[in-house]
Amino acid sequence: MPAPVQRDFLDPAALARLARLELCARGPMEGSVSGRHQSPHRGASVEFAEYRKYVAGDDPRHLDWRVVARSDRFYLKEFEADTNLRCHLVLDCSGSMAFGNKLGFARQLAGPLAYLAMLQGDAVGLTCCRENVTLDIPARRNPAHLRHLFDALGQQQPAGQTGLVKALHTLADKVRRRALIIVFSDLFHDPEELLHCFRHLHYRKHDLAIFHLLDRAEINFDFDRPIRFVDLENANSLVAEPNVIQQRYRQALDAYLHRLRTGCYEFKVDYRQAVTDQDYEKVLADFLLARMR
């Protein structure tokens, strides 16, 4: 028998608390069955949308006879259609995600979101990427599929160079209908190439959310003695005196983060910076509550 996959990133008590919230899309979704999300198409629901003039071939059962009696004109009442969504989780498994246990923190965020989506009747898929896309699980909406997805999350180990840009372009081309795409990554890549991906997904009308994972040491850079910095993606190293480069490092980091935030605002990306020493449950609750509003 194969060894059981560890799922220590799932806390039943936290899942029960988060289950009181909803994973909402910020715009219309194109699902395959009835659900709780707004659809771009008209259909049957309790939410009135608009009146429309009757044309030959329309179903007369949708006529508003009160309007006909008042104006002697034929109008149909249209309602918002409700549908399910496809949620695609994209997990960066490159070597840099080993620093500060970013990959473990990403699992703690991705696992509950997959559970919530499935609880709502939504379809969930998972893409894990390094230099090449190493795992691609299509979005489905059954409990057995959720177990398979959790097993895949638990098996991932950080290694190699990032393949996030290629994975996002592939996803934008492959997913034809509007979907919710949630990315978990430290975004160690050229910001202009990342923003090109975000533009591509925005053009396809996807709802894109980014959890930008950082370690506290990367933000504060409070090293106090000469240290060897090793690139976890290609094993290159550099010996540096932190006191000498600290100011320039912080300036470069601020410029990088500013470019990311402004680009995300331009392409309507739900950008959220998360530090690995934060309470993951609070990070998720803030994300879900903001979308519910």
C-alpha atoms as a PDB file:
ATOM      1  CA  MET A   1       0.000   0.000   0.000  1.00  0.00           C
ATOM      2  CA  PRO A   2       1.315   3.497  -0.808  1.00  0.00           C
ATOM      3  CA  ALA A   3       2.246   5.636   2.188  1.00  0.00           C
ATOM      4  CA  PRO A   4      -0.532   8.053   3.215  1.00  0.00           C
ATOM      5  CA  VAL A   5      -0.065  11.667   2.122  1.00  0.00           C
ATOM      6  CA  GLN A   6       0.310  14.121   4.995  1.00  0.00           C
ATOM      7  CA  ARG A   7      -2.416  16.775   5.128  1.00  0.00           C
ATOM      8  CA  ASP A   8      -1.136  18.835   8.054  1.00  0.00           C
ATOM      9  CA  PHE A   9      -2.045  21.980   6.095  1.00  0.00           C
ATOM     10  CA  LEU A  10      -5.732  21.255   6.803  1.00  0.00           C
ATOM     11  CA  ASP A  11      -7.136  22.151  10.227  1.00  0.00           C
ATOM     12  CA  PRO A  12     -10.746  20.901  10.693  1.00  0.00           C
ATOM     13  CA  ALA A  13     -11.511  23.631  13.245  1.00  0.00           C
ATOM     14  CA  ALA A  14     -10.276  26.369  10.894  1.00  0.00           C
ATOM     15  CA  LEU A  15     -12.230  24.837   7.995  1.00  0.00           C
ATOM     16  CA  ALA A  16     -15.402  24.882  10.095  1.00  0.00           C
ATOM     17  CA  ARG A  17     -14.934  28.567  10.928  1.00  0.00           C
ATOM     18  CA  LEU A  18     -14.126  29.547   7.343  1.00  0.00           C
ATOM     19  CA  ALA A  19     -17.108  27.540   6.026  1.00  0.00           C
ATOM     20  CA  ARG A  20     -19.372  30.296   7.366  1.00  0.00           C
ATOM     21  CA  LEU A  21     -17.990  32.559   4.640  1.00  0.00           C
ATOM     22  CA  GLU A  22     -18.407  32.359   0.869  1.00  0.00           C
ATOM     23  CA  LEU A  23     -15.866  32.319  -1.924  1.00  0.00           C
ATOM     24  CA  CYS A  24     -17.369  34.923  -4.246  1.00  0.00           C
ATOM     25  CA  ALA A  25     -16.352  36.001  -7.734  1.00  0.00           C
ATOM     26  CA  ARG A  26     -16.046  39.728  -8.414  1.00  0.00           C
ATOM     27  CA  GLY A  27     -17.793  39.465 -11.774  1.00  0.00           C
ATOM     28  CA  PRO A  28     -20.091  37.204 -13.803  1.00  0.00           C
ATOM     29  CA  MET A  29     -18.953  33.601 -14.178  1.00  0.00           C
ATOM     30  CA  GLU A  30     -19.729  31.073 -16.905  1.00  0.00           C
ATOM     31  CA  GLY A  31     -20.434  27.764 -15.193  1.00  0.00           C
ATOM     32  CA  SER A  32     -22.189  24.638 -16.356  1.00  0.00           C
ATOM     33  CA  VAL A  33     -24.848  24.225 -13.660  1.00  0.00           C
ATOM     34  CA  SER A  34     -26.971  26.383 -11.395  1.00  0.00           C
ATOM     35  CA  GLY A  35     -25.050  27.896  -8.489  1.00  0.00           C
ATOM     36  CA  ARG A  36     -24.643  30.971  -6.341  1.00  0.00           C
ATOM     37  CA  HIS A  37     -22.620  33.216  -8.671  1.00  0.00           C
ATOM     38  CA  GLN A  38     -23.854  35.800 -11.137  1.00  0.00           C
ATOM     39  CA  SER A  39     -23.920  34.711 -14.772  1.00  0.00           C
ATOM     40  CA  PRO A  40     -23.421  36.996 -17.792  1.00  0.00           C
ATOM     41  CA  HIS A  41     -26.556  35.400 -19.272  1.00  0.00           C
ATOM     42  CA  ARG A  42     -30.178  35.911 -18.306  1.00  0.00           C
ATOM     43  CA  GLY A  43     -32.086  33.076 -16.689  1.00  0.00           C
ATOM     44  CA  ALA A  44     -34.295  32.005 -13.830  1.00  0.00           C
ATOM     45  CA  SER A  45     -33.695  33.448 -10.372  1.00  0.00           C
ATOM     46  CA  VAL A  46     -35.328  35.738  -7.828  1.00  0.00           C
ATOM     47  CA  GLU A  47     -33.100  38.678  -8.750  1.00  0.00           C
ATOM     48  CA  PHE A  48     -34.831  40.996 -11.265  1.00  0.00           C
ATOM     49  CA  ALA A  49     -32.522  42.354 -13.975  1.00  0.00           C
ATOM     50  CA  GLU A  50     -34.481  44.453 -16.509  1.00  0.00           C
ATOM     51  CA  TYR A  51     -37.439  44.748 -18.863  1.00  0.00           C
ATOM     52  CA  ARG A  52     -37.075  43.885 -22.541  1.00  0.00           C
ATOM     53  CA  LYS A  53     -39.459  44.320 -25.451  1.00  0.00           C
ATOM     54  CA  TYR A  54     -41.188  41.165 -26.633  1.00  0.00           C
ATOM     55  CA  VAL A  55     -40.025  39.819 -29.997  1.00  0.00           C
ATOM     56  CA  ALA A  56     -41.420  36.932 -32.003  1.00  0.00           C
ATOM     57  CA  GLY A  57     -40.265  33.619 -30.572  1.00  0.00           C
ATOM     58  CA  ASP A  58     -40.004  34.754 -26.922  1.00  0.00           C
ATOM     59  CA  ASP A  59     -41.753  32.657 -24.302  1.00  0.00           C
ATOM     60  CA  PRO A  60     -45.091  34.402 -23.507  1.00  0.00           C
ATOM     61  CA  ARG A  61     -44.952  33.043 -19.961  1.00  0.00           C
ATOM     62  CA  HIS A  62     -42.352  35.706 -19.153  1.00  0.00           C
ATOM     63  CA  LEU A  63     -44.612  38.595 -20.203  1.00  0.00           C
ATOM     64  CA  ASP A  64     -45.398  41.136 -17.491  1.00  0.00           C
ATOM     65  CA  TRP A  65     -49.176  41.384 -17.855  1.00  0.00           C
ATOM     66  CA  ARG A  66     -49.418  44.366 -15.524  1.00  0.00           C
ATOM     67  CA  VAL A  67     -47.256  46.394 -17.881  1.00  0.00           C
ATOM     68  CA  VAL A  68     -49.348  45.129 -20.822  1.00  0.00           C
ATOM     69  CA  ALA A  69     -52.550  46.265 -19.065  1.00  0.00           C
ATOM     70  CA  ARG A  70     -51.144  49.721 -18.297  1.00  0.00           C
ATOM     71  CA  SER A  71     -49.375  50.517 -21.562  1.00  0.00           C
ATOM     72  CA  ASP A  72     -50.795  48.065 -24.121  1.00  0.00           C
ATOM     73  CA  ARG A  73     -47.179  47.138 -24.901  1.00  0.00           C
ATOM     74  CA  PHE A  74     -45.557  43.743 -24.501  1.00  0.00           C
ATOM     75  CA  TYR A  75     -42.538  43.555 -22.223  1.00  0.00           C
ATOM     76  CA  LEU A  76     -40.670  40.611 -20.772  1.00  0.00           C
ATOM     77  CA  LYS A  77     -39.208  40.498 -17.267  1.00  0.00           C
ATOM     78  CA  GLU A  78     -35.630  39.217 -17.240  1.00  0.00           C
ATOM     79  CA  PHE A  79     -33.835  37.873 -14.210  1.00  0.00           C
ATOM     80  CA  GLU A  80     -30.199  37.342 -13.316  1.00  0.00           C
ATOM     81  CA  ALA A  81     -29.070  33.782 -13.924  1.00  0.00           C
ATOM     82  CA  ASP A  82     -27.085  32.074 -11.175  1.00  0.00           C
ATOM     83  CA  THR A  83     -24.341  29.615 -11.999  1.00  0.00           C
ATOM     84  CA  ASN A  84     -21.357  27.847 -10.518  1.00  0.00           C
ATOM     85  CA  LEU A  85     -17.766  28.890 -11.133  1.00  0.00           C
ATOM     86  CA  ARG A  86     -14.533  27.187 -12.072  1.00  0.00           C
ATOM     87  CA  CYS A  87     -11.783  27.918  -9.570  1.00  0.00           C
ATOM     88  CA  HIS A  88      -8.220  27.237 -10.715  1.00  0.00           C
ATOM     89  CA  LEU A  89      -5.514  27.260  -8.036  1.00  0.00           C
ATOM     90  CA  VAL A  90      -1.984  27.947  -9.299  1.00  0.00           C
ATOM     91  CA  LEU A  91       0.827  26.943  -6.933  1.00  0.00           C
ATOM     92  CA  ASP A  92       4.403  28.089  -7.544  1.00  0.00           C
ATOM     93  CA  CYS A  93       6.673  25.176  -6.581  1.00  0.00           C
ATOM     94  CA  SER A  94      10.007  26.725  -7.582  1.00  0.00           C
ATOM     95  CA  GLY A  95      13.056  26.514  -5.323  1.00  0.00           C
ATOM     96  CA  SER A  96      12.603  29.996  -3.853  1.00  0.00           C
ATOM     97  CA  MET A  97       9.346  28.848  -2.241  1.00  0.00           C
ATOM     98  CA  ALA A  98      11.452  26.849   0.233  1.00  0.00           C
ATOM     99  CA  PHE A  99      12.646  30.039   1.929  1.00  0.00           C
ATOM    100  CA  GLY A 100      10.659  30.743   5.080  1.00  0.00           C
ATOM    101  CA  ASN A 101       8.374  27.777   4.338  1.00  0.00           C
ATOM    102  CA  LYS A 102       6.439  29.750   1.718  1.00  0.00           C
ATOM    103  CA  LEU A 103       5.220  26.554   0.087  1.00  0.00           C
ATOM    104  CA  GLY A 104       3.814  25.304   3.390  1.00  0.00           C
ATOM    105  CA  PHE A 105       2.030  28.628   3.901  1.00  0.00           C
ATOM    106  CA  ALA A 106       0.683  28.435   0.336  1.00  0.00           C
ATOM    107  CA  ARG A 107      -0.762  24.982   1.105  1.00  0.00           C
ATOM    108  CA  GLN A 108      -2.504  26.396   4.172  1.00  0.00           C
ATOM    109  CA  LEU A 109      -4.152  29.010   1.954  1.00  0.00           C
ATOM    110  CA  ALA A 110      -4.940  26.829  -1.054  1.00  0.00           C
ATOM    111  CA  GLY A 111      -6.362  23.821   0.815  1.00  0.00           C
ATOM    112  CA  PRO A 112      -9.221  25.664   2.592  1.00  0.00           C
ATOM    113  CA  LEU A 113     -10.089  27.619  -0.559  1.00  0.00           C
ATOM    114  CA  ALA A 114     -10.425  24.367  -2.510  1.00  0.00           C
ATOM    115  CA  TYR A 115     -12.614  22.971   0.287  1.00  0.00           C
ATOM    116  CA  LEU A 116     -14.858  26.072   0.331  1.00  0.00           C
ATOM    117  CA  ALA A 117     -15.285  26.056  -3.441  1.00  0.00           C
ATOM    118  CA  MET A 118     -16.257  22.377  -3.444  1.00  0.00           C
ATOM    119  CA  LEU A 119     -18.639  22.991  -0.508  1.00  0.00           C
ATOM    120  CA  GLN A 120     -20.436  25.578  -2.648  1.00  0.00           C
ATOM    121  CA  GLY A 121     -20.771  23.193  -5.580  1.00  0.00           C
ATOM    122  CA  ASP A 122     -18.042  24.914  -7.600  1.00  0.00           C
ATOM    123  CA  ALA A 123     -15.425  23.132  -9.701  1.00  0.00           C
ATOM    124  CA  VAL A 124     -11.796  23.270  -8.525  1.00  0.00           C
ATOM    125  CA  GLY A 125      -8.580  22.596 -10.414  1.00  0.00           C
ATOM    126  CA  LEU A 126      -4.897  22.781  -9.495  1.00  0.00           C
ATOM    127  CA  THR A 127      -1.775  23.726 -11.440  1.00  0.00           C
ATOM    128  CA  CYS A 128       1.640  23.250  -9.809  1.00  0.00           C
ATOM    129  CA  CYS A 129       4.486  24.805 -11.757  1.00  0.00           C
ATOM    130  CA  ARG A 130       8.246  24.954 -11.763  1.00  0.00           C
ATOM    131  CA  GLU A 131      10.346  25.617 -14.866  1.00  0.00           C
ATOM    132  CA  ASN A 132       7.728  23.557 -16.672  1.00  0.00           C
ATOM    133  CA  VAL A 133       4.188  22.829 -15.538  1.00  0.00           C
ATOM    134  CA  THR A 134       4.694  19.687 -13.478  1.00  0.00           C
ATOM    135  CA  LEU A 135       1.077  18.996 -12.520  1.00  0.00           C
ATOM    136  CA  ASP A 136      -2.203  20.083 -14.069  1.00  0.00           C
ATOM    137  CA  ILE A 137      -5.456  18.801 -12.508  1.00  0.00           C
ATOM    138  CA  PRO A 138      -8.574  19.939 -14.432  1.00  0.00           C
ATOM    139  CA  ALA A 139     -11.410  21.585 -12.528  1.00  0.00           C
ATOM    140  CA  ARG A 140     -14.075  19.159 -11.308  1.00  0.00           C
ATOM    141  CA  ARG A 141     -16.747  19.269  -8.620  1.00  0.00           C
ATOM    142  CA  ASN A 142     -16.934  15.938  -6.784  1.00  0.00           C
ATOM    143  CA  PRO A 143     -15.583  14.875  -3.342  1.00  0.00           C
ATOM    144  CA  ALA A 144     -13.246  12.212  -4.760  1.00  0.00           C
ATOM    145  CA  HIS A 145     -11.628  14.888  -6.907  1.00  0.00           C
ATOM    146  CA  LEU A 146     -11.077  17.039  -3.792  1.00  0.00           C
ATOM    147  CA  ARG A 147      -9.188  14.183  -2.088  1.00  0.00           C
ATOM    148  CA  HIS A 148      -7.008  13.827  -5.179  1.00  0.00           C
ATOM    149  CA  LEU A 149      -6.312  17.564  -5.123  1.00  0.00           C
ATOM    150  CA  PHE A 150      -5.366  17.501  -1.426  1.00  0.00           C
ATOM    151  CA  ASP A 151      -2.987  14.584  -2.066  1.00  0.00           C
ATOM    152  CA  ALA A 152      -1.343  16.538  -4.882  1.00  0.00           C
ATOM    153  CA  LEU A 153      -0.927  19.599  -2.635  1.00  0.00           C
ATOM    154  CA  GLY A 154       0.712  17.504   0.070  1.00  0.00           C
ATOM    155  CA  GLN A 155       3.176  15.884  -2.336  1.00  0.00           C
ATOM    156  CA  GLN A 156       4.666  19.066  -3.809  1.00  0.00           C
ATOM    157  CA  GLN A 157       8.246  20.007  -2.916  1.00  0.00           C
ATOM    158  CA  PRO A 158      10.031  23.258  -3.866  1.00  0.00           C
ATOM    159  CA  ALA A 159      12.728  22.786  -6.507  1.00  0.00           C
ATOM    160  CA  GLY A 160      14.055  24.287  -9.727  1.00  0.00           C
ATOM    161  CA  GLN A 161      13.367  27.562 -11.445  1.00  0.00           C
ATOM    162  CA  THR A 162      10.009  29.259 -11.645  1.00  0.00           C
ATOM    163  CA  GLY A 163       7.630  28.522 -14.502  1.00  0.00           C
ATOM    164  CA  LEU A 164       4.822  30.803 -13.348  1.00  0.00           C
ATOM    165  CA  VAL A 165       4.721  33.034 -16.428  1.00  0.00           C
ATOM    166  CA  LYS A 166       4.457  30.112 -18.841  1.00  0.00           C
ATOM    167  CA  ALA A 167       1.841  28.403 -16.646  1.00  0.00           C
ATOM    168  CA  LEU A 168      -0.379  31.503 -16.498  1.00  0.00           C
ATOM    169  CA  HIS A 169      -0.234  32.077 -20.262  1.00  0.00           C
ATOM    170  CA  THR A 170      -1.104  28.408 -20.811  1.00  0.00           C
ATOM    171  CA  LEU A 171      -4.031  28.675 -18.397  1.00  0.00           C
ATOM    172  CA  ALA A 172      -5.318  31.830 -20.079  1.00  0.00           C
ATOM    173  CA  ASP A 173      -5.363  30.054 -23.453  1.00  0.00           C
ATOM    174  CA  LYS A 174      -6.760  26.774 -22.145  1.00  0.00           C
ATOM    175  CA  VAL A 175      -9.614  27.992 -19.908  1.00  0.00           C
ATOM    176  CA  ARG A 176     -12.187  29.274 -22.386  1.00  0.00           C
ATOM    177  CA  ARG A 177     -14.945  30.311 -19.979  1.00  0.00           C
ATOM    178  CA  ARG A 178     -14.624  33.010 -17.341  1.00  0.00           C
ATOM    179  CA  ALA A 179     -13.060  31.542 -14.210  1.00  0.00           C
ATOM    180  CA  LEU A 180     -11.639  32.479 -10.833  1.00  0.00           C
ATOM    181  CA  ILE A 181      -7.859  31.990 -10.909  1.00  0.00           C
ATOM    182  CA  ILE A 182      -5.970  32.200  -7.595  1.00  0.00           C
ATOM    183  CA  VAL A 183      -2.162  32.286  -7.629  1.00  0.00           C
ATOM    184  CA  PHE A 184       0.134  31.505  -4.673  1.00  0.00           C
ATOM    185  CA  SER A 185       3.691  32.620  -5.362  1.00  0.00           C
ATOM    186  CA  ASP A 186       6.571  34.763  -4.172  1.00  0.00           C
ATOM    187  CA  LEU A 187       6.525  36.325  -7.681  1.00  0.00           C
ATOM    188  CA  PHE A 188      10.304  36.165  -8.074  1.00  0.00           C
ATOM    189  CA  HIS A 189      10.210  37.161 -11.703  1.00  0.00           C
ATOM    190  CA  ASP A 190      10.537  40.192 -13.939  1.00  0.00           C
ATOM    191  CA  PRO A 191       7.473  42.307 -13.033  1.00  0.00           C
ATOM    192  CA  GLU A 192       6.874  43.326 -16.639  1.00  0.00           C
ATOM    193  CA  GLU A 193       6.581  39.675 -17.711  1.00  0.00           C
ATOM    194  CA  LEU A 194       4.228  39.001 -14.795  1.00  0.00           C
ATOM    195  CA  LEU A 195       2.049  41.975 -15.714  1.00  0.00           C
ATOM    196  CA  HIS A 196       1.913  40.739 -19.292  1.00  0.00           C
ATOM    197  CA  CYS A 197       0.373  37.507 -17.928  1.00  0.00           C
ATOM    198  CA  PHE A 198      -2.110  39.489 -15.855  1.00  0.00           C
ATOM    199  CA  ARG A 199      -3.101  41.484 -18.947  1.00  0.00           C
ATOM    200  CA  HIS A 200      -3.646  38.246 -20.859  1.00  0.00           C
ATOM    201  CA  LEU A 201      -5.934  36.848 -18.126  1.00  0.00           C
ATOM    202  CA  HIS A 202      -7.803  40.146 -17.836  1.00  0.00           C
ATOM    203  CA  TYR A 203      -8.376  40.159 -21.595  1.00  0.00           C
ATOM    204  CA  ARG A 204      -9.911  36.668 -21.259  1.00  0.00           C
ATOM    205  CA  LYS A 205     -12.270  38.109 -18.572  1.00  0.00           C
ATOM    206  CA  HIS A 206     -10.937  35.894 -15.784  1.00  0.00           C
ATOM    207  CA  ASP A 207     -11.147  36.994 -12.150  1.00  0.00           C
ATOM    208  CA  LEU A 208      -7.514  36.890 -11.023  1.00  0.00           C
ATOM    209  CA  ALA A 209      -6.404  36.907  -7.375  1.00  0.00           C
ATOM    210  CA  ILE A 210      -2.748  36.898  -6.296  1.00  0.00           C
ATOM    211  CA  PHE A 211      -1.383  35.899  -2.907  1.00  0.00           C
ATOM    212  CA  HIS A 212       2.119  37.385  -2.943  1.00  0.00           C
ATOM    213  CA  LEU A 213       4.038  35.364  -0.340  1.00  0.00           C
ATOM    214  CA  LEU A 214       7.002  36.983   1.389  1.00  0.00           C
ATOM    215  CA  ASP A 215       9.108  36.151   4.405  1.00  0.00           C
ATOM    216  CA  ARG A 216       9.652  38.799   7.089  1.00  0.00           C
ATOM    217  CA  ALA A 217      13.419  38.675   6.543  1.00  0.00           C
ATOM    218  CA  GLU A 218      12.932  39.589   2.862  1.00  0.00           C
ATOM    219  CA  ILE A 219      10.990  42.679   3.845  1.00  0.00           C
ATOM    220  CA  ASN A 220      13.097  43.923   6.773  1.00  0.00           C
ATOM    221  CA  PHE A 221      16.506  42.710   5.535  1.00  0.00           C
ATOM    222  CA  ASP A 222      17.813  43.004   9.108  1.00  0.00           C
ATOM    223  CA  PHE A 223      20.931  40.853   8.718  1.00  0.00           C
ATOM    224  CA  ASP A 224      23.781  42.225  10.860  1.00  0.00           C
ATOM    225  CA  ARG A 225      26.921  40.460   9.616  1.00  0.00           C
ATOM    226  CA  PRO A 226      28.503  39.350   6.322  1.00  0.00           C
ATOM    227  CA  ILE A 227      26.480  36.523   4.891  1.00  0.00           C
ATOM    228  CA  ARG A 228      26.407  34.255   1.846  1.00  0.00           C
ATOM    229  CA  PHE A 229      23.147  34.563  -0.079  1.00  0.00           C
ATOM    230  CA  VAL A 230      22.288  31.486  -2.156  1.00  0.00           C
ATOM    231  CA  ASP A 231      19.865  31.520  -5.070  1.00  0.00           C
ATOM    232  CA  LEU A 232      17.503  28.626  -4.314  1.00  0.00           C
ATOM    233  CA  GLU A 233      16.520  28.284  -7.968  1.00  0.00           C
ATOM    234  CA  ASN A 234      19.923  27.986  -9.639  1.00  0.00           C
ATOM    235  CA  ALA A 235      22.383  27.556  -6.708  1.00  0.00           C
ATOM    236  CA  ASN A 236      24.373  30.741  -7.512  1.00  0.00           C
ATOM    237  CA  SER A 237      25.745  32.440  -4.398  1.00  0.00           C
ATOM    238  CA  LEU A 238      26.953  35.875  -3.378  1.00  0.00           C
ATOM    239  CA  VAL A 239      28.801  37.012  -0.243  1.00  0.00           C
ATOM    240  CA  ALA A 240      27.692  40.482   0.826  1.00  0.00           C
ATOM    241  CA  GLU A 241      27.885  42.920   3.723  1.00  0.00           C
ATOM    242  CA  PRO A 242      24.217  43.680   4.588  1.00  0.00           C
ATOM    243  CA  ASN A 243      24.950  47.107   6.081  1.00  0.00           C
ATOM    244  CA  VAL A 244      26.432  48.227   2.768  1.00  0.00           C
ATOM    245  CA  ILE A 245      23.593  47.096   0.507  1.00  0.00           C
ATOM    246  CA  GLN A 246      20.628  47.411   2.895  1.00  0.00           C
ATOM    247  CA  GLN A 247      19.440  50.829   1.673  1.00  0.00           C
ATOM    248  CA  ARG A 248      19.724  49.918  -2.019  1.00  0.00           C
ATOM    249  CA  TYR A 249      17.985  46.586  -1.377  1.00  0.00           C
ATOM    250  CA  ARG A 250      15.015  48.280   0.286  1.00  0.00           C
ATOM    251  CA  GLN A 251      14.783  50.849  -2.491  1.00  0.00           C
ATOM    252  CA  ALA A 252      14.786  48.093  -5.118  1.00  0.00           C
ATOM    253  CA  LEU A 253      12.174  46.095  -3.175  1.00  0.00           C
ATOM    254  CA  ASP A 254       9.918  49.147  -2.783  1.00  0.00           C
ATOM    255  CA  ALA A 255      10.162  49.918  -6.504  1.00  0.00           C
ATOM    256  CA  TYR A 256       9.398  46.292  -7.371  1.00  0.00           C
ATOM    257  CA  LEU A 257       6.358  46.131  -5.079  1.00  0.00           C
ATOM    258  CA  HIS A 258       5.091  49.501  -6.300  1.00  0.00           C
ATOM    259  CA  ARG A 259       5.267  48.355  -9.927  1.00  0.00           C
ATOM    260  CA  LEU A 260       3.417  45.150  -9.068  1.00  0.00           C
ATOM    261  CA  ARG A 261       0.646  46.956  -7.177  1.00  0.00           C
ATOM    262  CA  THR A 262       0.086  49.590  -9.846  1.00  0.00           C
ATOM    263  CA  GLY A 263       0.046  46.930 -12.575  1.00  0.00           C
ATOM    264  CA  CYS A 264      -2.406  44.798 -10.617  1.00  0.00           C
ATOM    265  CA  TYR A 265      -4.668  47.822 -10.144  1.00  0.00           C
ATOM    266  CA  GLU A 266      -4.506  48.527 -13.884  1.00  0.00           C
ATOM    267  CA  PHE A 267      -5.568  44.980 -14.807  1.00  0.00           C
ATOM    268  CA  LYS A 268      -8.090  44.609 -11.945  1.00  0.00           C
ATOM    269  CA  VAL A 269      -6.097  41.923 -10.148  1.00  0.00           C
ATOM    270  CA  ASP A 270      -7.053  41.182  -6.538  1.00  0.00           C
ATOM    271  CA  TYR A 271      -3.510  41.564  -5.160  1.00  0.00           C
ATOM    272  CA  ARG A 272      -2.826  40.510  -1.571  1.00  0.00           C
ATOM    273  CA  GLN A 273       0.566  40.511   0.074  1.00  0.00           C
ATOM    274  CA  ALA A 274       0.906  37.792   2.728  1.00  0.00           C
ATOM    275  CA  VAL A 275       3.833  37.337   5.097  1.00  0.00           C
ATOM    276  CA  THR A 276       4.556  33.796   6.212  1.00  0.00           C
ATOM    277  CA  ASP A 277       4.445  34.642   9.945  1.00  0.00           C
ATOM    278  CA  GLN A 278       0.837  35.837   9.663  1.00  0.00           C
ATOM    279  CA  ASP A 279      -2.156  33.787  10.795  1.00  0.00           C
ATOM    280  CA  TYR A 280      -3.258  32.092   7.565  1.00  0.00           C
ATOM    281  CA  GLU A 281      -6.850  31.850   8.786  1.00  0.00           C
ATOM    282  CA  LYS A 282      -7.038  35.644   9.195  1.00  0.00           C
ATOM    283  CA  VAL A 283      -5.463  36.148   5.759  1.00  0.00           C
ATOM    284  CA  LEU A 284      -8.168  33.922   4.221  1.00  0.00           C
ATOM    285  CA  ALA A 285     -10.995  35.499   6.233  1.00  0.00           C
ATOM    286  CA  ASP A 286      -9.973  39.003   5.101  1.00  0.00           C
ATOM    287  CA  PHE A 287      -9.810  37.806   1.489  1.00  0.00           C
ATOM    288  CA  LEU A 288     -13.255  36.142   1.616  1.00  0.00           C
ATOM    289  CA  LEU A 289     -14.959  39.002   3.485  1.00  0.00           C
ATOM    290  CA  ALA A 290     -13.633  41.585   1.026  1.00  0.00           C
ATOM    291  CA  ARG A 291     -15.089  39.578  -1.858  1.00  0.00           C
ATOM    292  CA  MET A 292     -18.431  39.111  -0.117  1.00  0.00           C
ATOM    293  CA  ARG A 293     -18.788  42.877   0.160  1.00  0.00           C
END
